[in-house]
PDB file of all heavy atoms in Angstrom:
ATOM      1  N   THR A   1     -16.776 -59.504-168.432  1.00  0.00           N
ATOM      2  CA  THR A   1     -16.173 -59.076-167.160  1.00  0.00           C
ATOM      3  C   THR A   1     -16.478 -60.087-166.065  1.00  0.00           C
ATOM      4  O   THR A   1     -15.587 -60.483-165.304  1.00  0.00           O
ATOM      5  CB  THR A   1     -16.687 -57.687-166.764  1.00  0.00           C
ATOM      6  OG1 THR A   1     -16.299 -56.756-167.779  1.00  0.00           O
ATOM      7  CG2 THR A   1     -16.125 -57.242-165.434  1.00  0.00           C
ATOM      8  N   THR A   2     -17.707 -60.525-165.978  1.00  0.00           N
ATOM      9  CA  THR A   2     -18.091 -61.517-164.968  1.00  0.00           C
ATOM     10  C   THR A   2     -17.336 -62.817-165.186  1.00  0.00           C
ATOM     11  O   THR A   2     -16.826 -63.417-164.231  1.00  0.00           O
ATOM     12  CB  THR A   2     -19.611 -61.764-165.011  1.00  0.00           C
ATOM     13  OG1 THR A   2     -20.275 -60.529-164.735  1.00  0.00           O
ATOM     14  CG2 THR A   2     -20.034 -62.805-164.001  1.00  0.00           C
ATOM     15  N   LEU A   3     -17.240 -63.261-166.420  1.00  0.00           N
ATOM     16  CA  LEU A   3     -16.528 -64.485-166.741  1.00  0.00           C
ATOM     17  C   LEU A   3     -15.048 -64.373-166.373  1.00  0.00           C
ATOM     18  O   LEU A   3     -14.482 -65.267-165.737  1.00  0.00           O
ATOM     19  CB  LEU A   3     -16.685 -64.816-168.227  1.00  0.00           C
ATOM     20  CG  LEU A   3     -15.953 -66.051-168.741  1.00  0.00           C
ATOM     21  CD1 LEU A   3     -16.390 -67.304-167.981  1.00  0.00           C
ATOM     22  CD2 LEU A   3     -16.214 -66.207-170.226  1.00  0.00           C
ATOM     23  N   MET A   4     -14.409 -63.276-166.750  1.00  0.00           N
ATOM     24  CA  MET A   4     -12.989 -63.088-166.441  1.00  0.00           C
ATOM     25  C   MET A   4     -12.756 -63.009-164.932  1.00  0.00           C
ATOM     26  O   MET A   4     -11.785 -63.576-164.428  1.00  0.00           O
ATOM     27  CB  MET A   4     -12.445 -61.845-167.137  1.00  0.00           C
ATOM     28  CG  MET A   4     -12.235 -62.035-168.623  1.00  0.00           C
ATOM     29  SD  MET A   4     -11.056 -63.347-169.026  1.00  0.00           S
ATOM     30  CE  MET A   4      -9.564 -62.671-168.332  1.00  0.00           C
ATOM     31  N   ARG A   5     -13.620 -62.341-164.212  1.00  0.00           N
ATOM     32  CA  ARG A   5     -13.456 -62.271-162.753  1.00  0.00           C
ATOM     33  C   ARG A   5     -13.561 -63.654-162.127  1.00  0.00           C
ATOM     34  O   ARG A   5     -12.830 -63.991-161.209  1.00  0.00           O
ATOM     35  CB  ARG A   5     -14.472 -61.310-162.148  1.00  0.00           C
ATOM     36  CG  ARG A   5     -14.115 -59.865-162.421  1.00  0.00           C
ATOM     37  CD  ARG A   5     -15.032 -58.920-161.700  1.00  0.00           C
ATOM     38  NE  ARG A   5     -14.605 -57.547-161.952  1.00  0.00           N
ATOM     39  CZ  ARG A   5     -15.412 -56.526-162.034  1.00  0.00           C
ATOM     40  NH1 ARG A   5     -16.719 -56.694-161.877  1.00  0.00           N
ATOM     41  NH2 ARG A   5     -14.947 -55.319-162.267  1.00  0.00           N
ATOM     42  N   TYR A   6     -14.471 -64.462-162.624  1.00  0.00           N
ATOM     43  CA  TYR A   6     -14.599 -65.832-162.135  1.00  0.00           C
ATOM     44  C   TYR A   6     -13.318 -66.623-162.425  1.00  0.00           C
ATOM     45  O   TYR A   6     -12.793 -67.319-161.551  1.00  0.00           O
ATOM     46  CB  TYR A   6     -15.804 -66.526-162.770  1.00  0.00           C
ATOM     47  CG  TYR A   6     -15.893 -67.973-162.360  1.00  0.00           C
ATOM     48  CD1 TYR A   6     -16.495 -68.325-161.155  1.00  0.00           C
ATOM     49  CD2 TYR A   6     -15.354 -68.967-163.149  1.00  0.00           C
ATOM     50  CE1 TYR A   6     -16.552 -69.661-160.759  1.00  0.00           C
ATOM     51  CE2 TYR A   6     -15.406 -70.300-162.762  1.00  0.00           C
ATOM     52  CZ  TYR A   6     -16.010 -70.635-161.563  1.00  0.00           C
ATOM     53  OH  TYR A   6     -16.055 -71.944-161.170  1.00  0.00           O
ATOM     54  N   LEU A   7     -12.819 -66.521-163.654  1.00  0.00           N
ATOM     55  CA  LEU A   7     -11.607 -67.248-164.032  1.00  0.00           C
ATOM     56  C   LEU A   7     -10.404 -66.805-163.203  1.00  0.00           C
ATOM     57  O   LEU A   7      -9.601 -67.630-162.765  1.00  0.00           O
ATOM     58  CB  LEU A   7     -11.323 -67.070-165.522  1.00  0.00           C
ATOM     59  CG  LEU A   7     -12.325 -67.719-166.470  1.00  0.00           C
ATOM     60  CD1 LEU A   7     -12.060 -67.282-167.910  1.00  0.00           C
ATOM     61  CD2 LEU A   7     -12.285 -69.228-166.349  1.00  0.00           C
ATOM     62  N   LEU A   8     -10.278 -65.510-162.961  1.00  0.00           N
ATOM     63  CA  LEU A   8      -9.168 -65.009-162.159  1.00  0.00           C
ATOM     64  C   LEU A   8      -9.282 -65.472-160.715  1.00  0.00           C
ATOM     65  O   LEU A   8      -8.286 -65.845-160.087  1.00  0.00           O
ATOM     66  CB  LEU A   8      -9.096 -63.484-162.236  1.00  0.00           C
ATOM     67  CG  LEU A   8      -8.697 -62.934-163.600  1.00  0.00           C
ATOM     68  CD1 LEU A   8      -8.883 -61.428-163.633  1.00  0.00           C
ATOM     69  CD2 LEU A   8      -7.263 -63.317-163.941  1.00  0.00           C
ATOM     70  N   ASN A   9     -10.484 -65.463-160.172  1.00  0.00           N
ATOM     71  CA  ASN A   9     -10.689 -65.938-158.807  1.00  0.00           C
ATOM     72  C   ASN A   9     -10.330 -67.422-158.708  1.00  0.00           C
ATOM     73  O   ASN A   9      -9.679 -67.856-157.753  1.00  0.00           O
ATOM     74  CB  ASN A   9     -12.134 -65.695-158.378  1.00  0.00           C
ATOM     75  CG  ASN A   9     -12.332 -65.947-156.919  1.00  0.00           C
ATOM     76  OD1 ASN A   9     -11.535 -65.504-156.090  1.00  0.00           O
ATOM     77  ND2 ASN A   9     -13.381 -66.659-156.568  1.00  0.00           N
ATOM     78  N   TYR A  10     -10.714 -68.201-159.689  1.00  0.00           N
ATOM     79  CA  TYR A  10     -10.388 -69.625-159.724  1.00  0.00           C
ATOM     80  C   TYR A  10      -8.874 -69.825-159.845  1.00  0.00           C
ATOM     81  O   TYR A  10      -8.303 -70.723-159.216  1.00  0.00           O
ATOM     82  CB  TYR A  10     -11.125 -70.295-160.881  1.00  0.00           C
ATOM     83  CG  TYR A  10     -11.052 -71.791-160.853  1.00  0.00           C
ATOM     84  CD1 TYR A  10     -11.921 -72.536-160.062  1.00  0.00           C
ATOM     85  CD2 TYR A  10     -10.109 -72.472-161.606  1.00  0.00           C
ATOM     86  CE1 TYR A  10     -11.863 -73.917-160.025  1.00  0.00           C
ATOM     87  CE2 TYR A  10     -10.038 -73.855-161.574  1.00  0.00           C
ATOM     88  CZ  TYR A  10     -10.916 -74.569-160.786  1.00  0.00           C
ATOM     89  OH  TYR A  10     -10.849 -75.936-160.751  1.00  0.00           O
ATOM     90  N   ALA A  11      -8.231 -68.995-160.641  1.00  0.00           N
ATOM     91  CA  ALA A  11      -6.784 -69.111-160.858  1.00  0.00           C
ATOM     92  C   ALA A  11      -5.991 -68.875-159.575  1.00  0.00           C
ATOM     93  O   ALA A  11      -4.883 -69.398-159.428  1.00  0.00           O
ATOM     94  CB  ALA A  11      -6.340 -68.124-161.935  1.00  0.00           C
ATOM     95  N   ARG A  12      -6.529 -68.117-158.643  1.00  0.00           N
ATOM     96  CA  ARG A  12      -5.833 -67.833-157.382  1.00  0.00           C
ATOM     97  C   ARG A  12      -5.459 -69.105-156.626  1.00  0.00           C
ATOM     98  O   ARG A  12      -4.539 -69.104-155.832  1.00  0.00           O
ATOM     99  CB  ARG A  12      -6.701 -66.961-156.479  1.00  0.00           C
ATOM    100  CG  ARG A  12      -6.727 -65.536-156.884  1.00  0.00           C
ATOM    101  CD  ARG A  12      -7.505 -64.680-155.871  1.00  0.00           C
ATOM    102  NE  ARG A  12      -7.477 -63.307-156.299  1.00  0.00           N
ATOM    103  CZ  ARG A  12      -8.396 -62.732-157.054  1.00  0.00           C
ATOM    104  NH1 ARG A  12      -9.451 -63.424-157.438  1.00  0.00           N
ATOM    105  NH2 ARG A  12      -8.284 -61.473-157.431  1.00  0.00           N
ATOM    106  N   ARG A  13      -6.178 -70.172-156.867  1.00  0.00           N
ATOM    107  CA  ARG A  13      -5.907 -71.437-156.180  1.00  0.00           C
ATOM    108  C   ARG A  13      -4.565 -72.039-156.582  1.00  0.00           C
ATOM    109  O   ARG A  13      -3.977 -72.786-155.809  1.00  0.00           O
ATOM    110  CB  ARG A  13      -7.003 -72.452-156.491  1.00  0.00           C
ATOM    111  CG  ARG A  13      -8.368 -72.012-156.062  1.00  0.00           C
ATOM    112  CD  ARG A  13      -9.402 -73.010-156.517  1.00  0.00           C
ATOM    113  NE  ARG A  13     -10.735 -72.515-156.250  1.00  0.00           N
ATOM    114  CZ  ARG A  13     -11.823 -73.190-156.510  1.00  0.00           C
ATOM    115  NH1 ARG A  13     -11.758 -74.382-157.055  1.00  0.00           N
ATOM    116  NH2 ARG A  13     -13.003 -72.673-156.242  1.00  0.00           N
ATOM    117  N   SER A  14      -4.111 -71.744-157.796  1.00  0.00           N
ATOM    118  CA  SER A  14      -2.930 -72.426-158.319  1.00  0.00           C
ATOM    119  C   SER A  14      -1.817 -71.521-158.844  1.00  0.00           C
ATOM    120  O   SER A  14      -0.713 -71.998-159.073  1.00  0.00           O
ATOM    121  CB  SER A  14      -3.340 -73.361-159.464  1.00  0.00           C
ATOM    122  OG  SER A  14      -4.294 -74.292-159.022  1.00  0.00           O
ATOM    123  N   PHE A  15      -2.115 -70.255-159.076  1.00  0.00           N
ATOM    124  CA  PHE A  15      -1.139 -69.391-159.736  1.00  0.00           C
ATOM    125  C   PHE A  15      -0.915 -68.099-158.961  1.00  0.00           C
ATOM    126  O   PHE A  15      -1.802 -67.618-158.261  1.00  0.00           O
ATOM    127  CB  PHE A  15      -1.612 -69.038-161.154  1.00  0.00           C
ATOM    128  CG  PHE A  15      -1.863 -70.251-162.000  1.00  0.00           C
ATOM    129  CD1 PHE A  15      -3.157 -70.659-162.291  1.00  0.00           C
ATOM    130  CD2 PHE A  15      -0.812 -71.001-162.502  1.00  0.00           C
ATOM    131  CE1 PHE A  15      -3.398 -71.778-163.063  1.00  0.00           C
ATOM    132  CE2 PHE A  15      -1.044 -72.123-163.271  1.00  0.00           C
ATOM    133  CZ  PHE A  15      -2.333 -72.515-163.557  1.00  0.00           C
ATOM    134  N   ARG A  16       0.278 -67.531-159.130  1.00  0.00           N
ATOM    135  CA  ARG A  16       0.582 -66.244-158.510  1.00  0.00           C
ATOM    136  C   ARG A  16       0.238 -65.080-159.447  1.00  0.00           C
ATOM    137  O   ARG A  16       0.010 -63.969-159.029  1.00  0.00           O
ATOM    138  CB  ARG A  16       2.043 -66.171-158.079  1.00  0.00           C
ATOM    139  CG  ARG A  16       3.011 -66.230-159.220  1.00  0.00           C
ATOM    140  CD  ARG A  16       4.442 -66.025-158.750  1.00  0.00           C
ATOM    141  NE  ARG A  16       5.383 -66.327-159.804  1.00  0.00           N
ATOM    142  CZ  ARG A  16       5.633 -65.538-160.837  1.00  0.00           C
ATOM    143  NH1 ARG A  16       5.041 -64.383-160.957  1.00  0.00           N
ATOM    144  NH2 ARG A  16       6.486 -65.901-161.768  1.00  0.00           N
ATOM    145  N   SER A  17       0.227 -65.371-160.748  1.00  0.00           N
ATOM    146  CA  SER A  17      -0.166 -64.374-161.742  1.00  0.00           C
ATOM    147  C   SER A  17      -0.755 -65.104-162.941  1.00  0.00           C
ATOM    148  O   SER A  17      -0.600 -66.309-163.101  1.00  0.00           O
ATOM    149  CB  SER A  17       1.024 -63.515-162.173  1.00  0.00           C
ATOM    150  OG  SER A  17       1.986 -64.292-162.838  1.00  0.00           O
ATOM    151  N   VAL A  18      -1.443 -64.339-163.772  1.00  0.00           N
ATOM    152  CA  VAL A  18      -2.077 -64.891-164.977  1.00  0.00           C
ATOM    153  C   VAL A  18      -1.758 -63.976-166.143  1.00  0.00           C
ATOM    154  O   VAL A  18      -1.820 -62.745-166.014  1.00  0.00           O
ATOM    155  CB  VAL A  18      -3.612 -64.993-164.797  1.00  0.00           C
ATOM    156  CG1 VAL A  18      -4.286 -65.417-166.093  1.00  0.00           C
ATOM    157  CG2 VAL A  18      -3.958 -65.961-163.686  1.00  0.00           C
ATOM    158  N   ARG A  19      -1.424 -64.575-167.272  1.00  0.00           N
ATOM    159  CA  ARG A  19      -1.181 -63.824-168.503  1.00  0.00           C
ATOM    160  C   ARG A  19      -2.318 -64.060-169.481  1.00  0.00           C
ATOM    161  O   ARG A  19      -2.964 -65.098-169.473  1.00  0.00           O
ATOM    162  CB  ARG A  19       0.138 -64.259-169.141  1.00  0.00           C
ATOM    163  CG  ARG A  19       1.325 -63.787-168.357  1.00  0.00           C
ATOM    164  CD  ARG A  19       2.596 -64.132-169.053  1.00  0.00           C
ATOM    165  NE  ARG A  19       3.708 -63.635-168.270  1.00  0.00           N
ATOM    166  CZ  ARG A  19       4.938 -64.074-168.398  1.00  0.00           C
ATOM    167  NH1 ARG A  19       5.221 -65.015-169.278  1.00  0.00           N
ATOM    168  NH2 ARG A  19       5.899 -63.566-167.664  1.00  0.00           N
ATOM    169  N   PHE A  20      -2.514 -63.062-170.335  1.00  0.00           N
ATOM    170  CA  PHE A  20      -3.591 -63.131-171.317  1.00  0.00           C
ATOM    171  C   PHE A  20      -3.127 -62.467-172.597  1.00  0.00           C
ATOM    172  O   PHE A  20      -2.427 -61.456-172.559  1.00  0.00           O
ATOM    173  CB  PHE A  20      -4.835 -62.422-170.786  1.00  0.00           C
ATOM    174  CG  PHE A  20      -6.055 -62.651-171.624  1.00  0.00           C
ATOM    175  CD1 PHE A  20      -6.850 -63.762-171.414  1.00  0.00           C
ATOM    176  CD2 PHE A  20      -6.401 -61.786-172.634  1.00  0.00           C
ATOM    177  CE1 PHE A  20      -7.965 -64.004-172.203  1.00  0.00           C
ATOM    178  CE2 PHE A  20      -7.513 -62.011-173.424  1.00  0.00           C
ATOM    179  CZ  PHE A  20      -8.297 -63.124-173.203  1.00  0.00           C
ATOM    180  N   PHE A  21      -3.521 -63.011-173.728  1.00  0.00           N
ATOM    181  CA  PHE A  21      -3.183 -62.431-175.027  1.00  0.00           C
ATOM    182  C   PHE A  21      -4.432 -61.889-175.701  1.00  0.00           C
ATOM    183  O   PHE A  21      -5.466 -62.541-175.730  1.00  0.00           O
ATOM    184  CB  PHE A  21      -2.546 -63.477-175.947  1.00  0.00           C
ATOM    185  CG  PHE A  21      -2.311 -62.965-177.335  1.00  0.00           C
ATOM    186  CD1 PHE A  21      -1.205 -62.189-177.608  1.00  0.00           C
ATOM    187  CD2 PHE A  21      -3.212 -63.223-178.353  1.00  0.00           C
ATOM    188  CE1 PHE A  21      -0.992 -61.689-178.889  1.00  0.00           C
ATOM    189  CE2 PHE A  21      -3.011 -62.732-179.632  1.00  0.00           C
ATOM    190  CZ  PHE A  21      -1.886 -61.967-179.897  1.00  0.00           C
ATOM    191  N   THR A  22      -4.323 -60.702-176.229  1.00  0.00           N
ATOM    192  CA  THR A  22      -5.352 -60.161-177.116  1.00  0.00           C
ATOM    193  C   THR A  22      -4.639 -59.416-178.225  1.00  0.00           C
ATOM    194  O   THR A  22      -3.586 -58.806-177.998  1.00  0.00           O
ATOM    195  CB  THR A  22      -6.343 -59.239-176.389  1.00  0.00           C
ATOM    196  OG1 THR A  22      -7.333 -58.816-177.324  1.00  0.00           O
ATOM    197  CG2 THR A  22      -5.678 -58.026-175.786  1.00  0.00           C
ATOM    198  N   ASP A  23      -5.181 -59.472-179.408  1.00  0.00           N
ATOM    199  CA  ASP A  23      -4.541 -58.795-180.533  1.00  0.00           C
ATOM    200  C   ASP A  23      -5.325 -57.581-181.010  1.00  0.00           C
ATOM    201  O   ASP A  23      -5.081 -57.070-182.087  1.00  0.00           O
ATOM    202  CB  ASP A  23      -4.293 -59.776-181.685  1.00  0.00           C
ATOM    203  CG  ASP A  23      -5.562 -60.418-182.188  1.00  0.00           C
ATOM    204  OD1 ASP A  23      -6.642 -60.162-181.622  1.00  0.00           O
ATOM    205  OD2 ASP A  23      -5.480 -61.201-183.155  1.00  0.00           O
ATOM    206  N   THR A  24      -6.262 -57.125-180.183  1.00  0.00           N
ATOM    207  CA  THR A  24      -7.029 -55.934-180.551  1.00  0.00           C
ATOM    208  C   THR A  24      -6.869 -54.856-179.498  1.00  0.00           C
ATOM    209  O   THR A  24      -6.704 -55.142-178.310  1.00  0.00           O
ATOM    210  CB  THR A  24      -8.527 -56.243-180.708  1.00  0.00           C
ATOM    211  OG1 THR A  24      -9.061 -56.595-179.432  1.00  0.00           O
ATOM    212  CG2 THR A  24      -8.767 -57.378-181.702  1.00  0.00           C
ATOM    213  N   LYS A  25      -6.926 -53.628-179.912  1.00  0.00           N
ATOM    214  CA  LYS A  25      -6.808 -52.503-178.977  1.00  0.00           C
ATOM    215  C   LYS A  25      -7.996 -52.487-178.014  1.00  0.00           C
ATOM    216  O   LYS A  25      -7.838 -52.255-176.822  1.00  0.00           O
ATOM    217  CB  LYS A  25      -6.721 -51.184-179.741  1.00  0.00           C
ATOM    218  CG  LYS A  25      -6.532 -49.983-178.841  1.00  0.00           C
ATOM    219  CD  LYS A  25      -5.759 -48.913-179.532  1.00  0.00           C
ATOM    220  CE  LYS A  25      -5.562 -47.720-178.656  1.00  0.00           C
ATOM    221  NZ  LYS A  25      -4.427 -47.804-177.785  1.00  0.00           N
ATOM    222  N   GLY A  26      -9.184 -52.787-178.510  1.00  0.00           N
ATOM    223  CA  GLY A  26     -10.364 -52.841-177.652  1.00  0.00           C
ATOM    224  C   GLY A  26     -10.240 -53.920-176.590  1.00  0.00           C
ATOM    225  O   GLY A  26     -10.600 -53.719-175.432  1.00  0.00           O
ATOM    226  N   GLY A  27      -9.709 -55.082-177.003  1.00  0.00           N
ATOM    227  CA  GLY A  27      -9.486 -56.160-176.046  1.00  0.00           C
ATOM    228  C   GLY A  27      -8.473 -55.768-174.998  1.00  0.00           C
ATOM    229  O   GLY A  27      -8.661 -56.006-173.807  1.00  0.00           O
TER     230      GLY A  27
END
């Protein structure tokens, strides 16, 4: 969660949205 929040905050500099792929229900 901490890692993803950091990545999303960093992405705000360049992107309007972010997509992510997971192939598990838990993910």
